[in-house]
């Protein structure tokens, strides 16, 4: 099978990354940095993309599977982690801007990141909302550095 052309824009994400999580209220201090690994790869001969995140408790190990209906602009991302959490997100990658979001009345989330020129670093941040997106608060920063 040839690589799915609807996923071609994801090519800049493919590879091994070091992950740095910081600026989170759930960490001991705002300055605390938690590091981990991240691998983004084509799966099923290019039919989808998998993101495999670390093997530690903080951040939890997780797997994302990303695909796209070729009649739609946005991607769908299925997420599951070592805590037993599973979620469905929408995702877009438009040049240097990477967005992931989930709308849920009890717990909405959104991620926005910028891919730096040259592809060596991605700087992002997660926000959360518990009132169906009426107000948003910072959750944590998340950077990826190409390994």
Protein backbone atom coordinates (compact mmCIF):
# COMPACT_ATOMS: atom_id res chain seq x y z
CA UNK A 1 0.00 0.00 0.00
CA UNK A 2 1.25 3.48 -0.81
CA UNK A 3 1.39 6.09 1.94
CA UNK A 4 -1.98 7.80 2.42
CA UNK A 5 -1.73 11.14 0.54
CA UNK A 6 -4.27 12.70 2.95
CA UNK A 7 -1.56 12.47 5.64
CA UNK A 8 1.31 13.99 3.63
CA UNK A 9 1.36 17.22 5.69
CA UNK A 10 2.36 15.18 8.79
CA UNK A 11 5.80 14.34 7.36
CA UNK A 12 7.60 17.10 9.40
CA UNK A 13 6.46 15.37 12.62
CA UNK A 14 7.90 11.96 11.74
CA UNK A 15 10.93 10.96 13.81
CA UNK A 16 12.29 10.59 17.33
CA UNK A 17 11.89 13.45 19.77
CA UNK A 18 12.86 14.35 23.32
CA UNK A 19 9.87 15.70 25.19
CA UNK A 20 9.99 18.37 27.91
CA UNK A 21 6.91 19.09 30.02
CA UNK A 22 6.98 22.14 32.32
CA UNK A 23 4.91 24.99 33.72
CA UNK A 24 2.30 22.57 35.09
CA UNK A 25 0.36 23.02 38.33
CA UNK A 26 0.54 19.25 38.93
CA UNK A 27 4.39 19.33 39.09
CA UNK A 28 6.23 20.16 42.35
CA UNK A 29 7.22 23.67 41.17
CA UNK A 30 6.58 25.75 38.03
CA UNK A 31 10.30 25.39 37.20
CA UNK A 32 10.21 21.57 37.34
CA UNK A 33 10.86 19.96 33.97
CA UNK A 34 9.90 16.39 33.21
CA UNK A 35 11.56 14.80 30.21
CA UNK A 36 10.60 11.79 28.18
CA UNK A 37 10.79 10.34 24.71
CA UNK A 38 8.43 10.51 21.79
CA UNK A 39 8.43 8.63 18.51
CA UNK A 40 6.18 9.60 15.62
CA UNK A 41 6.05 7.07 12.80
CA UNK A 42 4.07 5.85 9.83
CA UNK A 43 2.13 2.66 10.58
CA UNK A 44 0.37 0.13 8.39
CA UNK A 45 2.58 1.08 5.44
CA UNK A 46 1.58 4.74 5.69
CA UNK A 47 -2.16 4.33 6.25
CA UNK A 48 -1.94 6.18 9.58
CA UNK A 49 0.54 7.80 11.97
CA UNK A 50 1.32 6.58 15.49
CA UNK A 51 2.76 8.68 18.30
CA UNK A 52 4.32 6.69 21.12
CA UNK A 53 5.03 8.76 24.20
CA UNK A 54 7.53 7.66 26.87
CA UNK A 55 7.46 4.97 29.46
CA UNK A 56 7.31 6.97 32.70
CA UNK A 57 4.56 8.04 35.08
CA UNK A 58 5.08 11.76 34.44
CA UNK A 59 4.07 12.29 31.75
CA UNK A 60 2.20 9.00 31.42
CA UNK A 61 3.10 6.67 28.59
CA UNK A 62 0.60 7.11 25.79
CA UNK A 63 -0.23 6.14 22.24
CA UNK A 64 -1.92 8.31 19.63
CA UNK A 65 -3.19 7.00 16.30
CA UNK A 66 -3.83 9.71 13.71
CA UNK A 67 -5.81 9.38 10.51
CA UNK A 68 -7.92 11.50 8.24
CA UNK A 69 -11.04 11.27 6.16
CA UNK A 70 -9.81 12.50 2.78
CA UNK A 71 -13.01 14.53 2.37
CA UNK A 72 -12.22 16.60 5.49
CA UNK A 73 -9.46 19.05 6.31
CA UNK A 74 -8.89 18.04 9.94
CA UNK A 75 -7.37 14.84 11.26
CA UNK A 76 -8.77 12.55 13.93
CA UNK A 77 -6.48 11.51 16.77
CA UNK A 78 -7.30 8.59 19.07
CA UNK A 79 -5.47 8.80 22.42
CA UNK A 80 -4.93 6.25 25.19
CA UNK A 81 -2.49 6.33 28.12
CA UNK A 82 -1.15 4.27 31.01
CA UNK A 83 -3.69 5.84 33.41
CA UNK A 84 -6.54 4.20 31.48
CA UNK A 85 -7.58 7.49 29.87
CA UNK A 86 -8.86 7.35 26.29
CA UNK A 87 -10.00 10.31 24.22
CA UNK A 88 -10.80 11.40 20.68
CA UNK A 89 -9.32 14.67 19.45
CA UNK A 90 -9.49 16.71 16.27
CA UNK A 91 -6.14 17.83 14.91
CA UNK A 92 -4.72 20.14 12.26
CA UNK A 93 -1.25 20.86 10.96
CA UNK A 94 -1.05 23.95 8.81
CA UNK A 95 2.55 24.69 7.89
CA UNK A 96 4.28 25.55 11.15
CA UNK A 97 1.10 25.57 13.31
CA UNK A 98 0.03 22.30 14.99
CA UNK A 99 -3.32 22.23 16.81
CA UNK A 100 -5.13 19.47 18.75
CA UNK A 101 -8.49 19.98 20.47
CA UNK A 102 -11.28 18.17 22.24
CA UNK A 103 -14.68 19.65 23.05
CA UNK A 104 -16.38 18.02 26.02
CA UNK A 105 -18.81 19.73 28.44
CA UNK A 106 -16.93 18.48 31.52
CA UNK A 107 -13.33 18.71 30.27
CA UNK A 108 -12.32 20.39 27.02
CA UNK A 109 -8.70 20.65 25.97
CA UNK A 110 -6.66 22.40 23.31
CA UNK A 111 -3.02 22.28 22.27
CA UNK A 112 -1.27 24.76 20.06
CA UNK A 113 2.33 24.50 18.95
CA UNK A 114 4.73 26.09 16.50
CA UNK A 115 7.21 24.06 14.48
CA UNK A 116 10.44 26.04 14.39
CA UNK A 117 12.15 26.59 11.03
CA UNK A 118 14.49 23.71 10.25
CA UNK A 119 12.28 21.20 12.06
CA UNK A 120 14.45 20.76 15.15
CA UNK A 121 11.99 21.93 17.80
CA UNK A 122 8.27 22.17 18.42
CA UNK A 123 7.08 24.52 21.21
CA UNK A 124 3.56 24.02 22.49
CA UNK A 125 1.11 24.50 25.32
CA UNK A 126 -2.03 22.75 26.51
CA UNK A 127 -5.04 24.56 27.94
CA UNK A 128 -8.12 23.14 29.62
CA UNK A 129 -11.71 24.16 30.28
CA UNK A 130 -14.27 22.66 32.66
CA UNK A 131 -17.18 24.88 31.56
CA UNK A 132 -17.67 23.73 27.96
CA UNK A 133 -15.03 26.12 26.64
CA UNK A 134 -16.42 29.33 28.15
CA UNK A 135 -13.14 29.96 30.01
CA UNK A 136 -9.70 28.45 29.46
CA UNK A 137 -6.74 28.03 31.78
CA UNK A 138 -3.13 27.08 31.18
CA UNK A 139 -2.48 23.37 31.80
CA UNK A 140 1.19 22.85 30.85
CA UNK A 141 3.90 23.61 28.30
CA UNK A 142 5.22 20.83 26.10
CA UNK A 143 8.29 21.08 23.88
CA UNK A 144 9.63 18.48 21.48
CA UNK A 145 13.31 18.53 20.50
CA UNK A 146 14.34 16.32 17.59
CA UNK A 147 16.65 13.53 18.74
